[in-house]
Amino acid sequence: RFPTADRVIAGPFRDELRKLRGDRPAFDPATCLVLVTRGHQHDVDLLLEVLDDPLAYLGMIGSRRRIRAVYDLLERERGIPRQRFDRVHAPIGLDIGAQTPAEIAVAILAEMIEVLRGGKS
């Protein structure tokens, strides 16, 4: 299905994330991570896994409403202060008017580059 991919990762989100992390207690400061899931609960689970990791970039896809719902849930049910989410780039991507999946990918990568190079994002 993805002939140009080096590898395809498929499985329960948390399990696959832990496999990617390996024996390390956290992802390292050179890692960029983008959370792209199909539901609030997956976003919640994955954010809980990586929120304290010293990532170079942490982004989460979703509408402003969906992101607000995830943050509200974590604040209300887990007592996580709102300012802890300040480092999460959400909704992800620079606003370039992207419409297609390819354009959205470019917008996300552009934001990552901007962050890595010390830009304003």
N, C-alpha and C. Protein backbone atom coordinates (compact mmCIF):
# COMPACT_ATOMS: atom_id res chain seq x y z
N ARG A 1 0.81 -1.20 0.00
CA ARG A 1 0.00 0.00 0.00
C ARG A 1 0.86 1.26 0.00
N PHE A 2 2.05 1.20 0.58
CA PHE A 2 2.96 2.34 0.63
C PHE A 2 4.31 1.91 0.06
N PRO A 3 4.39 1.78 -1.24
CA PRO A 3 5.60 1.21 -1.86
C PRO A 3 6.88 2.01 -1.63
N THR A 4 6.79 3.29 -1.36
CA THR A 4 8.00 4.09 -1.18
C THR A 4 8.40 4.25 0.28
N ALA A 5 7.61 3.69 1.19
CA ALA A 5 7.92 3.81 2.62
C ALA A 5 9.08 2.91 3.00
N ASP A 6 9.95 3.42 3.88
CA ASP A 6 11.02 2.58 4.43
C ASP A 6 10.44 1.51 5.34
N ARG A 7 9.41 1.89 6.09
CA ARG A 7 8.69 0.93 6.91
C ARG A 7 7.32 1.49 7.24
N VAL A 8 6.41 0.59 7.52
CA VAL A 8 5.06 0.96 7.90
C VAL A 8 4.86 0.48 9.33
N ILE A 9 4.40 1.38 10.17
CA ILE A 9 4.17 1.05 11.57
C ILE A 9 2.66 0.98 11.77
N ALA A 10 2.18 -0.18 12.18
CA ALA A 10 0.74 -0.36 12.38
C ALA A 10 0.51 -1.17 13.64
N GLY A 11 -0.34 -0.67 14.48
CA GLY A 11 -0.65 -1.36 15.73
C GLY A 11 -1.24 -0.37 16.71
N PRO A 12 -1.54 -0.83 17.91
CA PRO A 12 -2.06 0.09 18.92
C PRO A 12 -1.07 1.25 19.14
N PHE A 13 -1.59 2.46 19.15
CA PHE A 13 -0.75 3.65 19.18
C PHE A 13 0.29 3.63 20.30
N ARG A 14 -0.14 3.39 21.53
CA ARG A 14 0.80 3.44 22.66
C ARG A 14 1.88 2.37 22.53
N ASP A 15 1.50 1.18 22.10
CA ASP A 15 2.48 0.10 21.93
C ASP A 15 3.52 0.47 20.89
N GLU A 16 3.08 1.01 19.77
CA GLU A 16 4.01 1.37 18.70
C GLU A 16 4.91 2.53 19.12
N LEU A 17 4.34 3.48 19.85
CA LEU A 17 5.14 4.60 20.35
C LEU A 17 6.24 4.10 21.29
N ARG A 18 5.88 3.18 22.15
CA ARG A 18 6.87 2.62 23.08
C ARG A 18 7.95 1.84 22.33
N LYS A 19 7.57 1.14 21.27
CA LYS A 19 8.56 0.43 20.45
C LYS A 19 9.52 1.42 19.80
N LEU A 20 8.98 2.52 19.30
CA LEU A 20 9.84 3.54 18.69
C LEU A 20 10.82 4.12 19.71
N ARG A 21 10.35 4.32 20.91
CA ARG A 21 11.18 4.89 21.97
C ARG A 21 12.26 3.90 22.39
N GLY A 22 11.96 2.62 22.33
CA GLY A 22 12.93 1.60 22.70
C GLY A 22 13.22 1.59 24.18
N ASP A 23 14.47 1.38 24.52
CA ASP A 23 14.89 1.30 25.93
C ASP A 23 15.04 2.67 26.58
N ARG A 24 14.95 3.71 25.78
CA ARG A 24 15.13 5.06 26.33
C ARG A 24 13.91 5.45 27.17
N PRO A 25 14.12 6.19 28.26
CA PRO A 25 12.98 6.63 29.06
C PRO A 25 12.16 7.72 28.37
N ALA A 26 12.78 8.39 27.40
CA ALA A 26 12.10 9.48 26.68
C ALA A 26 12.73 9.64 25.31
N PHE A 27 11.98 10.26 24.41
CA PHE A 27 12.57 10.64 23.13
C PHE A 27 13.60 11.72 23.39
N ASP A 28 14.59 11.82 22.54
CA ASP A 28 15.67 12.79 22.77
C ASP A 28 15.34 14.15 22.17
N PRO A 29 16.13 15.17 22.51
CA PRO A 29 15.86 16.54 22.05
C PRO A 29 16.02 16.75 20.54
N ALA A 30 16.47 15.75 19.82
CA ALA A 30 16.58 15.87 18.36
C ALA A 30 15.36 15.30 17.65
N THR A 31 14.41 14.77 18.40
CA THR A 31 13.25 14.10 17.83
C THR A 31 12.10 15.06 17.59
N CYS A 32 11.51 14.96 16.41
CA CYS A 32 10.27 15.67 16.08
C CYS A 32 9.16 14.63 16.05
N LEU A 33 8.06 14.92 16.71
CA LEU A 33 6.96 13.96 16.79
C LEU A 33 5.66 14.66 16.44
N VAL A 34 4.92 14.03 15.54
CA VAL A 34 3.61 14.56 15.13
C VAL A 34 2.56 13.51 15.48
N LEU A 35 1.57 13.91 16.27
CA LEU A 35 0.49 13.01 16.64
C LEU A 35 -0.66 13.17 15.65
N VAL A 36 -0.95 12.10 14.94
CA VAL A 36 -2.04 12.10 13.96
C VAL A 36 -2.87 10.86 14.25
N THR A 37 -3.99 11.04 14.94
CA THR A 37 -4.82 9.90 15.31
C THR A 37 -6.24 10.12 14.81
N ARG A 38 -7.08 9.15 15.11
CA ARG A 38 -8.47 9.23 14.68
C ARG A 38 -9.44 9.39 15.85
N GLY A 39 -8.96 9.95 16.93
CA GLY A 39 -9.89 10.12 18.03
C GLY A 39 -9.28 10.80 19.23
N HIS A 40 -10.12 11.48 19.99
CA HIS A 40 -9.68 12.21 21.18
C HIS A 40 -8.92 11.32 22.16
N GLN A 41 -9.44 10.12 22.41
CA GLN A 41 -8.81 9.27 23.41
C GLN A 41 -7.39 8.89 23.02
N HIS A 42 -7.17 8.64 21.73
CA HIS A 42 -5.81 8.34 21.27
C HIS A 42 -4.90 9.56 21.48
N ASP A 43 -5.42 10.74 21.18
CA ASP A 43 -4.64 11.97 21.40
C ASP A 43 -4.27 12.11 22.88
N VAL A 44 -5.24 11.86 23.74
CA VAL A 44 -5.02 11.95 25.18
C VAL A 44 -3.94 10.96 25.61
N ASP A 45 -4.08 9.70 25.19
CA ASP A 45 -3.12 8.66 25.57
C ASP A 45 -1.71 9.00 25.12
N LEU A 46 -1.58 9.44 23.88
CA LEU A 46 -0.25 9.72 23.34
C LEU A 46 0.36 10.98 23.95
N LEU A 47 -0.45 12.00 24.16
CA LEU A 47 0.07 13.21 24.82
C LEU A 47 0.59 12.88 26.22
N LEU A 48 -0.14 12.04 26.94
CA LEU A 48 0.32 11.64 28.27
C LEU A 48 1.66 10.92 28.20
N GLU A 49 1.88 10.17 27.13
CA GLU A 49 3.14 9.43 26.96
C GLU A 49 4.33 10.35 26.69
N VAL A 50 4.12 11.44 25.96
CA VAL A 50 5.26 12.21 25.46
C VAL A 50 5.34 13.65 25.95
N LEU A 51 4.38 14.11 26.70
CA LEU A 51 4.32 15.52 27.08
C LEU A 51 5.58 16.00 27.80
N ASP A 52 6.21 15.12 28.57
CA ASP A 52 7.40 15.52 29.31
C ASP A 52 8.70 15.20 28.59
N ASP A 53 8.62 14.55 27.43
CA ASP A 53 9.83 14.24 26.67
C ASP A 53 10.43 15.53 26.13
N PRO A 54 11.76 15.63 26.09
CA PRO A 54 12.41 16.85 25.61
C PRO A 54 12.48 16.91 24.08
N LEU A 55 11.35 16.84 23.44
CA LEU A 55 11.29 16.80 21.98
C LEU A 55 11.67 18.14 21.36
N ALA A 56 12.27 18.07 20.18
CA ALA A 56 12.56 19.29 19.43
C ALA A 56 11.27 19.90 18.92
N TYR A 57 10.30 19.05 18.60
CA TYR A 57 9.01 19.51 18.07
C TYR A 57 7.96 18.50 18.45
N LEU A 58 6.84 18.98 18.96
CA LEU A 58 5.69 18.13 19.26
C LEU A 58 4.47 18.80 18.66
N GLY A 59 3.85 18.12 17.71
CA GLY A 59 2.67 18.66 17.05
C GLY A 59 1.51 17.69 17.12
N MET A 60 0.30 18.24 17.08
CA MET A 60 -0.90 17.40 17.11
C MET A 60 -1.88 17.93 16.08
N ILE A 61 -2.33 17.03 15.21
CA ILE A 61 -3.27 17.43 14.18
C ILE A 61 -4.68 17.48 14.78
N GLY A 62 -5.51 18.32 14.23
CA GLY A 62 -6.89 18.40 14.69
C GLY A 62 -7.42 19.82 14.60
N SER A 63 -8.72 19.92 14.66
CA SER A 63 -9.35 21.23 14.65
C SER A 63 -9.10 21.91 16.00
N ARG A 64 -9.28 23.21 16.03
CA ARG A 64 -9.12 23.93 17.30
C ARG A 64 -10.07 23.37 18.35
N ARG A 65 -11.28 23.02 17.93
CA ARG A 65 -12.27 22.47 18.86
C ARG A 65 -11.81 21.13 19.44
N ARG A 66 -11.28 20.27 18.58
CA ARG A 66 -10.81 18.96 19.04
C ARG A 66 -9.63 19.13 20.01
N ILE A 67 -8.72 20.00 19.67
CA ILE A 67 -7.55 20.23 20.52
C ILE A 67 -7.97 20.80 21.87
N ARG A 68 -8.88 21.75 21.84
CA ARG A 68 -9.39 22.33 23.09
C ARG A 68 -10.04 21.24 23.95
N ALA A 69 -10.79 20.33 23.32
CA ALA A 69 -11.44 19.23 24.05
C ALA A 69 -10.40 18.31 24.70
N VAL A 70 -9.33 18.02 23.99
CA VAL A 70 -8.26 17.18 24.54
C VAL A 70 -7.60 17.88 25.73
N TYR A 71 -7.25 19.14 25.57
CA TYR A 71 -6.62 19.89 26.66
C TYR A 71 -7.56 20.00 27.86
N ASP A 72 -8.84 20.29 27.60
CA ASP A 72 -9.82 20.40 28.69
C ASP A 72 -9.91 19.09 29.47
N LEU A 73 -9.96 17.99 28.75
CA LEU A 73 -10.05 16.67 29.38
C LEU A 73 -8.83 16.39 30.26
N LEU A 74 -7.65 16.66 29.72
CA LEU A 74 -6.42 16.41 30.48
C LEU A 74 -6.30 17.33 31.69
N GLU A 75 -6.77 18.55 31.54
CA GLU A 75 -6.74 19.49 32.65
C GLU A 75 -7.73 19.06 33.74
N ARG A 76 -8.93 18.70 33.32
CA ARG A 76 -9.99 18.35 34.26
C ARG A 76 -9.74 16.99 34.93
N GLU A 77 -9.42 15.97 34.13
CA GLU A 77 -9.32 14.61 34.67
C GLU A 77 -7.94 14.24 35.20
N ARG A 78 -6.90 14.88 34.69
CA ARG A 78 -5.54 14.54 35.12
C ARG A 78 -4.86 15.67 35.88
N GLY A 79 -5.52 16.83 35.96
CA GLY A 79 -4.95 17.96 36.69
C GLY A 79 -3.72 18.56 36.03
N ILE A 80 -3.60 18.39 34.73
CA ILE A 80 -2.44 18.93 34.01
C ILE A 80 -2.70 20.41 33.73
N PRO A 81 -1.84 21.29 34.24
CA PRO A 81 -2.04 22.73 34.01
C PRO A 81 -1.99 23.09 32.52
N ARG A 82 -2.81 24.01 32.14
CA ARG A 82 -2.94 24.41 30.73
C ARG A 82 -1.60 24.83 30.12
N GLN A 83 -0.75 25.49 30.89
CA GLN A 83 0.52 25.96 30.33
C GLN A 83 1.45 24.82 29.91
N ARG A 84 1.22 23.61 30.40
CA ARG A 84 2.03 22.47 29.97
C ARG A 84 1.83 22.16 28.49
N PHE A 85 0.71 22.62 27.93
CA PHE A 85 0.43 22.35 26.52
C PHE A 85 0.99 23.43 25.59
N ASP A 86 1.61 24.45 26.17
CA ASP A 86 2.15 25.55 25.36
C ASP A 86 3.17 25.08 24.34
N ARG A 87 3.88 24.03 24.62
CA ARG A 87 4.91 23.53 23.71
C ARG A 87 4.35 22.67 22.57
N VAL A 88 3.07 22.30 22.67
CA VAL A 88 2.44 21.48 21.64
C VAL A 88 1.98 22.39 20.50
N HIS A 89 2.44 22.11 19.31
CA HIS A 89 2.01 22.87 18.14
C HIS A 89 0.71 22.26 17.65
N ALA A 90 -0.37 22.99 17.89
CA ALA A 90 -1.67 22.46 17.52
C ALA A 90 -2.63 23.62 17.31
N PRO A 91 -3.39 23.61 16.26
CA PRO A 91 -3.28 22.70 15.12
C PRO A 91 -1.92 22.86 14.43
N ILE A 92 -1.42 21.77 13.90
CA ILE A 92 -0.08 21.79 13.33
C ILE A 92 -0.04 22.37 11.93
N GLY A 93 1.15 22.85 11.58
CA GLY A 93 1.40 23.35 10.23
C GLY A 93 1.28 24.85 10.12
N LEU A 94 2.12 25.41 9.27
CA LEU A 94 2.01 26.84 8.97
C LEU A 94 0.76 27.08 8.15
N ASP A 95 0.15 28.22 8.35
CA ASP A 95 -1.06 28.56 7.61
C ASP A 95 -0.69 29.04 6.21
N ILE A 96 -0.63 28.09 5.28
CA ILE A 96 -0.30 28.42 3.88
C ILE A 96 -1.50 28.16 2.97
N GLY A 97 -2.65 27.95 3.58
CA GLY A 97 -3.85 27.68 2.78
C GLY A 97 -3.87 26.27 2.21
N ALA A 98 -3.18 25.35 2.86
CA ALA A 98 -3.08 23.96 2.37
C ALA A 98 -4.45 23.32 2.28
N GLN A 99 -4.67 22.56 1.20
CA GLN A 99 -5.94 21.87 0.98
C GLN A 99 -5.75 20.36 0.85
N THR A 100 -4.77 19.94 0.09
CA THR A 100 -4.57 18.52 -0.19
C THR A 100 -3.69 17.89 0.89
N PRO A 101 -3.72 16.56 1.02
CA PRO A 101 -2.82 15.91 1.98
C PRO A 101 -1.35 16.28 1.75
N ALA A 102 -0.93 16.35 0.51
CA ALA A 102 0.46 16.71 0.21
C ALA A 102 0.77 18.13 0.67
N GLU A 103 -0.15 19.06 0.45
CA GLU A 103 0.06 20.44 0.88
C GLU A 103 0.07 20.55 2.41
N ILE A 104 -0.79 19.78 3.06
CA ILE A 104 -0.82 19.77 4.53
C ILE A 104 0.50 19.24 5.07
N ALA A 105 1.03 18.21 4.44
CA ALA A 105 2.33 17.66 4.85
C ALA A 105 3.43 18.72 4.71
N VAL A 106 3.40 19.47 3.62
CA VAL A 106 4.39 20.54 3.42
C VAL A 106 4.25 21.60 4.52
N ALA A 107 3.01 21.96 4.85
CA ALA A 107 2.78 22.97 5.90
C ALA A 107 3.31 22.49 7.25
N ILE A 108 3.13 21.21 7.55
CA ILE A 108 3.62 20.64 8.81
C ILE A 108 5.15 20.64 8.82
N LEU A 109 5.75 20.18 7.75
CA LEU A 109 7.21 20.15 7.68
C LEU A 109 7.80 21.56 7.72
N ALA A 110 7.12 22.51 7.10
CA ALA A 110 7.59 23.90 7.13
C ALA A 110 7.59 24.43 8.56
N GLU A 111 6.56 24.10 9.32
CA GLU A 111 6.52 24.54 10.71
C GLU A 111 7.64 23.87 11.51
N MET A 112 7.88 22.60 11.28
CA MET A 112 8.98 21.91 11.97
C MET A 112 10.31 22.59 11.69
N ILE A 113 10.55 22.89 10.43
CA ILE A 113 11.80 23.56 10.04
C ILE A 113 11.90 24.91 10.73
N GLU A 114 10.81 25.66 10.74
CA GLU A 114 10.81 26.97 11.39
C GLU A 114 11.18 26.84 12.88
N VAL A 115 10.60 25.85 13.55
CA VAL A 115 10.90 25.63 14.97
C VAL A 115 12.36 25.21 15.15
N LEU A 116 12.81 24.28 14.34
CA LEU A 116 14.19 23.78 14.46
C LEU A 116 15.22 24.87 14.18
N ARG A 117 14.88 25.82 13.35
CA ARG A 117 15.80 26.90 13.00
C ARG A 117 15.62 28.13 13.89
N GLY A 118 14.78 27.99 14.92
CA GLY A 118 14.63 29.09 15.87
C GLY A 118 13.67 30.17 15.43
N GLY A 119 12.76 29.83 14.54
CA GLY A 119 11.78 30.81 14.06
C GLY A 119 10.69 31.07 15.07
N LYS A 120 9.64 31.71 14.63
CA LYS A 120 8.61 32.20 15.54
C LYS A 120 7.59 31.17 16.00
N SER A 121 7.43 30.05 15.31
CA SER A 121 6.36 29.09 15.67
C SER A 121 6.47 28.56 17.07
